[in-house]
């Protein structure tokens, strides 16, 4: 007969924490990107109903908030790699697993919030380009400015993971 503490120690170990951290990075950034791409897609659809020829100018604005989801997948992959999933090593200490979990948090949180913030800027950019098509590059630059923070979070998560 196993006690609750024995079950908990079996589940709560370094391997679990490392893999869970990566999963949270992919989940947070992925949810943010899905919400962001969906939000901008709705605005693009409304604009295309009025002028179908705008598709080429607007589709890039819809795609931009999807990058955070890619960054989350990169952090997830690195966490699995560093935990030894692909090499069969899976012998991460509790301390190292906790550090890896913490290393994934910047991408999880910043990825989520920056994708949504970027989507709001991109959606406004769709309105701008719909009214004045020559402003497309300005709308893209405005949306890309938010990307900076997702890239910072990616760098923090990745570099921290490799320093552990």
C-alpha atoms as a PDB file:
ATOM      1  CA  UNK A   1       0.000   0.000   0.000  1.00  0.00           C
ATOM      2  CA  UNK A   2       1.359   3.392  -1.015  1.00  0.00           C
ATOM      3  CA  UNK A   3       0.863   6.583   0.909  1.00  0.00           C
ATOM      4  CA  UNK A   4      -0.129   9.907  -0.572  1.00  0.00           C
ATOM      5  CA  UNK A   5       3.401  11.179   0.089  1.00  0.00           C
ATOM      6  CA  UNK A   6       4.872   8.300  -1.925  1.00  0.00           C
ATOM      7  CA  UNK A   7       2.531   9.030  -4.851  1.00  0.00           C
ATOM      8  CA  UNK A   8       3.350  12.727  -4.621  1.00  0.00           C
ATOM      9  CA  UNK A   9       7.111  12.109  -4.599  1.00  0.00           C
ATOM     10  CA  UNK A  10       6.690   9.852  -7.627  1.00  0.00           C
ATOM     11  CA  UNK A  11       4.847  12.579  -9.535  1.00  0.00           C
ATOM     12  CA  UNK A  12       6.714  15.612  -8.231  1.00  0.00           C
ATOM     13  CA  UNK A  13      10.263  15.133  -9.378  1.00  0.00           C
ATOM     14  CA  UNK A  14      12.780  16.957 -11.527  1.00  0.00           C
ATOM     15  CA  UNK A  15      11.705  15.231 -14.726  1.00  0.00           C
ATOM     16  CA  UNK A  16       8.089  16.202 -14.217  1.00  0.00           C
ATOM     17  CA  UNK A  17       8.925  19.812 -13.382  1.00  0.00           C
ATOM     18  CA  UNK A  18      11.199  20.214 -16.412  1.00  0.00           C
ATOM     19  CA  UNK A  19       8.636  18.756 -18.805  1.00  0.00           C
ATOM     20  CA  UNK A  20       5.760  20.653 -17.175  1.00  0.00           C
ATOM     21  CA  UNK A  21       7.652  23.944 -17.537  1.00  0.00           C
ATOM     22  CA  UNK A  22       8.111  23.361 -21.255  1.00  0.00           C
ATOM     23  CA  UNK A  23       4.483  22.374 -21.629  1.00  0.00           C
ATOM     24  CA  UNK A  24       3.399  25.589 -19.885  1.00  0.00           C
ATOM     25  CA  UNK A  25       5.583  27.658 -22.226  1.00  0.00           C
ATOM     26  CA  UNK A  26       3.996  26.007 -25.259  1.00  0.00           C
ATOM     27  CA  UNK A  27       0.518  26.218 -23.745  1.00  0.00           C
ATOM     28  CA  UNK A  28       0.652  29.863 -22.655  1.00  0.00           C
ATOM     29  CA  UNK A  29       2.259  31.148 -25.830  1.00  0.00           C
ATOM     30  CA  UNK A  30       0.059  28.892 -27.969  1.00  0.00           C
ATOM     31  CA  UNK A  31      -3.180  30.038 -26.362  1.00  0.00           C
ATOM     32  CA  UNK A  32      -2.133  33.666 -26.695  1.00  0.00           C
ATOM     33  CA  UNK A  33      -1.263  33.163 -30.355  1.00  0.00           C
ATOM     34  CA  UNK A  34      -4.507  31.328 -31.088  1.00  0.00           C
ATOM     35  CA  UNK A  35      -6.526  34.099 -29.469  1.00  0.00           C
ATOM     36  CA  UNK A  36      -4.464  36.744 -31.256  1.00  0.00           C
ATOM     37  CA  UNK A  37      -4.645  35.216 -34.716  1.00  0.00           C
ATOM     38  CA  UNK A  38      -8.372  34.665 -34.232  1.00  0.00           C
ATOM     39  CA  UNK A  39      -8.974  38.238 -33.126  1.00  0.00           C
ATOM     40  CA  UNK A  40      -7.127  39.722 -36.099  1.00  0.00           C
ATOM     41  CA  UNK A  41      -8.754  37.204 -38.445  1.00  0.00           C
ATOM     42  CA  UNK A  42     -12.184  38.450 -37.429  1.00  0.00           C
ATOM     43  CA  UNK A  43     -11.216  42.028 -38.225  1.00  0.00           C
ATOM     44  CA  UNK A  44      -9.623  40.971 -41.527  1.00  0.00           C
ATOM     45  CA  UNK A  45     -12.799  39.103 -42.489  1.00  0.00           C
ATOM     46  CA  UNK A  46     -14.872  42.233 -41.969  1.00  0.00           C
ATOM     47  CA  UNK A  47     -12.505  44.253 -44.112  1.00  0.00           C
ATOM     48  CA  UNK A  48     -12.459  41.638 -46.865  1.00  0.00           C
ATOM     49  CA  UNK A  49     -16.258  41.623 -46.961  1.00  0.00           C
ATOM     50  CA  UNK A  50     -16.023  45.240 -48.087  1.00  0.00           C
ATOM     51  CA  UNK A  51     -12.963  44.893 -50.342  1.00  0.00           C
ATOM     52  CA  UNK A  52     -11.747  41.339 -51.194  1.00  0.00           C
ATOM     53  CA  UNK A  53      -8.677  42.737 -52.961  1.00  0.00           C
ATOM     54  CA  UNK A  54      -7.104  43.710 -49.613  1.00  0.00           C
ATOM     55  CA  UNK A  55      -6.271  40.114 -48.726  1.00  0.00           C
ATOM     56  CA  UNK A  56      -2.592  40.342 -49.686  1.00  0.00           C
ATOM     57  CA  UNK A  57      -2.097  43.492 -47.612  1.00  0.00           C
ATOM     58  CA  UNK A  58      -3.917  42.175 -44.539  1.00  0.00           C
ATOM     59  CA  UNK A  59      -2.930  38.529 -44.189  1.00  0.00           C
ATOM     60  CA  UNK A  60       0.512  39.388 -42.799  1.00  0.00           C
ATOM     61  CA  UNK A  61      -1.141  41.320 -39.966  1.00  0.00           C
ATOM     62  CA  UNK A  62      -3.146  38.245 -39.056  1.00  0.00           C
ATOM     63  CA  UNK A  63      -0.078  35.998 -39.068  1.00  0.00           C
ATOM     64  CA  UNK A  64       2.132  38.181 -36.854  1.00  0.00           C
ATOM     65  CA  UNK A  65       0.578  37.224 -33.453  1.00  0.00           C
ATOM     66  CA  UNK A  66       1.188  33.558 -34.281  1.00  0.00           C
ATOM     67  CA  UNK A  67       4.932  33.827 -33.746  1.00  0.00           C
ATOM     68  CA  UNK A  68       4.656  33.555 -29.961  1.00  0.00           C
ATOM     69  CA  UNK A  69       3.185  30.078 -30.351  1.00  0.00           C
ATOM     70  CA  UNK A  70       6.285  29.093 -32.322  1.00  0.00           C
ATOM     71  CA  UNK A  71       8.520  30.514 -29.595  1.00  0.00           C
ATOM     72  CA  UNK A  72       6.622  28.494 -26.986  1.00  0.00           C
ATOM     73  CA  UNK A  73       7.195  25.334 -29.016  1.00  0.00           C
ATOM     74  CA  UNK A  74      10.914  26.110 -29.190  1.00  0.00           C
ATOM     75  CA  UNK A  75      11.089  26.402 -25.393  1.00  0.00           C
ATOM     76  CA  UNK A  76       9.053  23.188 -25.013  1.00  0.00           C
ATOM     77  CA  UNK A  77      11.415  21.328 -27.340  1.00  0.00           C
ATOM     78  CA  UNK A  78      14.500  22.627 -25.521  1.00  0.00           C
ATOM     79  CA  UNK A  79      13.028  21.643 -22.144  1.00  0.00           C
ATOM     80  CA  UNK A  80      12.445  18.099 -23.397  1.00  0.00           C
ATOM     81  CA  UNK A  81      15.936  17.979 -24.867  1.00  0.00           C
ATOM     82  CA  UNK A  82      17.586  19.313 -21.697  1.00  0.00           C
ATOM     83  CA  UNK A  83      15.553  16.900 -19.551  1.00  0.00           C
ATOM     84  CA  UNK A  84      16.897  13.975 -21.596  1.00  0.00           C
ATOM     85  CA  UNK A  85      13.616  12.870 -23.164  1.00  0.00           C
ATOM     86  CA  UNK A  86      15.237  12.277 -26.565  1.00  0.00           C
ATOM     87  CA  UNK A  87      18.332  10.574 -25.215  1.00  0.00           C
ATOM     88  CA  UNK A  88      16.613   8.390 -22.639  1.00  0.00           C
ATOM     89  CA  UNK A  89      18.449  10.201 -19.848  1.00  0.00           C
ATOM     90  CA  UNK A  90      15.419  11.378 -17.823  1.00  0.00           C
ATOM     91  CA  UNK A  91      17.281  11.706 -14.564  1.00  0.00           C
ATOM     92  CA  UNK A  92      16.741  15.374 -13.664  1.00  0.00           C
ATOM     93  CA  UNK A  93      17.198  16.286 -10.013  1.00  0.00           C
ATOM     94  CA  UNK A  94      14.376  18.067  -8.229  1.00  0.00           C
ATOM     95  CA  UNK A  95      16.460  21.249  -7.978  1.00  0.00           C
ATOM     96  CA  UNK A  96      17.406  21.242 -11.661  1.00  0.00           C
ATOM     97  CA  UNK A  97      13.819  20.459 -12.643  1.00  0.00           C
ATOM     98  CA  UNK A  98      12.563  23.388 -10.563  1.00  0.00           C
ATOM     99  CA  UNK A  99      15.103  25.699 -12.231  1.00  0.00           C
ATOM    100  CA  UNK A 100      14.075  24.465 -15.682  1.00  0.00           C
ATOM    101  CA  UNK A 101      10.428  24.993 -14.777  1.00  0.00           C
ATOM    102  CA  UNK A 102      11.224  28.564 -13.708  1.00  0.00           C
ATOM    103  CA  UNK A 103      13.229  29.138 -16.907  1.00  0.00           C
ATOM    104  CA  UNK A 104      10.131  28.342 -18.985  1.00  0.00           C
ATOM    105  CA  UNK A 105       7.883  30.833 -17.198  1.00  0.00           C
ATOM    106  CA  UNK A 106       8.995  33.979 -19.081  1.00  0.00           C
ATOM    107  CA  UNK A 107       7.925  32.434 -22.363  1.00  0.00           C
ATOM    108  CA  UNK A 108       4.693  31.090 -20.892  1.00  0.00           C
ATOM    109  CA  UNK A 109       3.532  34.439 -19.520  1.00  0.00           C
ATOM    110  CA  UNK A 110       5.092  36.961 -21.878  1.00  0.00           C
ATOM    111  CA  UNK A 111       4.205  34.765 -24.854  1.00  0.00           C
ATOM    112  CA  UNK A 112       0.556  34.739 -23.820  1.00  0.00           C
ATOM    113  CA  UNK A 113       0.224  38.433 -23.091  1.00  0.00           C
ATOM    114  CA  UNK A 114       2.368  39.719 -25.944  1.00  0.00           C
ATOM    115  CA  UNK A 115       0.429  37.705 -28.537  1.00  0.00           C
ATOM    116  CA  UNK A 116      -2.819  39.269 -27.382  1.00  0.00           C
ATOM    117  CA  UNK A 117      -1.327  42.771 -27.181  1.00  0.00           C
ATOM    118  CA  UNK A 118       0.183  42.301 -30.614  1.00  0.00           C
ATOM    119  CA  UNK A 119      -3.171  41.164 -31.952  1.00  0.00           C
ATOM    120  CA  UNK A 120      -4.821  44.323 -30.677  1.00  0.00           C
ATOM    121  CA  UNK A 121      -2.228  46.460 -32.450  1.00  0.00           C
ATOM    122  CA  UNK A 122      -2.495  44.334 -35.620  1.00  0.00           C
ATOM    123  CA  UNK A 123      -6.308  44.568 -35.574  1.00  0.00           C
ATOM    124  CA  UNK A 124      -6.037  48.342 -35.398  1.00  0.00           C
ATOM    125  CA  UNK A 125      -3.524  48.088 -38.241  1.00  0.00           C
ATOM    126  CA  UNK A 126      -6.120  46.236 -40.320  1.00  0.00           C
ATOM    127  CA  UNK A 127      -8.485  49.159 -39.836  1.00  0.00           C
ATOM    128  CA  UNK A 128      -5.709  51.566 -40.800  1.00  0.00           C
ATOM    129  CA  UNK A 129      -4.772  49.644 -43.953  1.00  0.00           C
ATOM    130  CA  UNK A 130      -8.437  49.233 -44.870  1.00  0.00           C
ATOM    131  CA  UNK A 131      -8.864  53.004 -44.830  1.00  0.00           C
ATOM    132  CA  UNK A 132      -5.447  53.812 -46.314  1.00  0.00           C
ATOM    133  CA  UNK A 133      -3.772  50.856 -48.099  1.00  0.00           C
ATOM    134  CA  UNK A 134      -0.464  52.730 -48.453  1.00  0.00           C
ATOM    135  CA  UNK A 135       0.037  52.500 -44.658  1.00  0.00           C
ATOM    136  CA  UNK A 136       0.591  48.729 -44.670  1.00  0.00           C
ATOM    137  CA  UNK A 137       4.294  48.898 -43.760  1.00  0.00           C
ATOM    138  CA  UNK A 138       3.547  51.271 -40.870  1.00  0.00           C
ATOM    139  CA  UNK A 139       0.869  48.919 -39.535  1.00  0.00           C
ATOM    140  CA  UNK A 140       3.276  45.972 -39.725  1.00  0.00           C
ATOM    141  CA  UNK A 141       6.031  47.882 -37.906  1.00  0.00           C
ATOM    142  CA  UNK A 142       3.626  48.919 -35.148  1.00  0.00           C
ATOM    143  CA  UNK A 143       2.554  45.299 -34.595  1.00  0.00           C
ATOM    144  CA  UNK A 144       6.146  44.058 -34.806  1.00  0.00           C
ATOM    145  CA  UNK A 145       7.203  46.385 -31.977  1.00  0.00           C
ATOM    146  CA  UNK A 146       5.273  44.198 -29.532  1.00  0.00           C
ATOM    147  CA  UNK A 147       7.206  41.190 -30.870  1.00  0.00           C
ATOM    148  CA  UNK A 148      10.336  42.554 -29.212  1.00  0.00           C
ATOM    149  CA  UNK A 149       9.101  41.476 -25.795  1.00  0.00           C
ATOM    150  CA  UNK A 150       8.225  37.984 -26.962  1.00  0.00           C
ATOM    151  CA  UNK A 151      11.742  37.677 -28.357  1.00  0.00           C
ATOM    152  CA  UNK A 152      13.207  38.887 -25.048  1.00  0.00           C
ATOM    153  CA  UNK A 153      11.172  36.240 -23.203  1.00  0.00           C
ATOM    154  CA  UNK A 154      12.319  33.568 -25.645  1.00  0.00           C
ATOM    155  CA  UNK A 155      15.942  34.558 -25.122  1.00  0.00           C
ATOM    156  CA  UNK A 156      15.588  34.597 -21.333  1.00  0.00           C
ATOM    157  CA  UNK A 157      13.950  31.165 -21.303  1.00  0.00           C
ATOM    158  CA  UNK A 158      16.399  29.581 -23.750  1.00  0.00           C
ATOM    159  CA  UNK A 159      19.589  31.062 -22.315  1.00  0.00           C
ATOM    160  CA  UNK A 160      18.531  30.265 -18.766  1.00  0.00           C
ATOM    161  CA  UNK A 161      17.711  26.699 -19.772  1.00  0.00           C
ATOM    162  CA  UNK A 162      21.176  26.219 -21.249  1.00  0.00           C
ATOM    163  CA  UNK A 163      22.845  27.781 -18.194  1.00  0.00           C
ATOM    164  CA  UNK A 164      21.212  25.252 -15.845  1.00  0.00           C
END
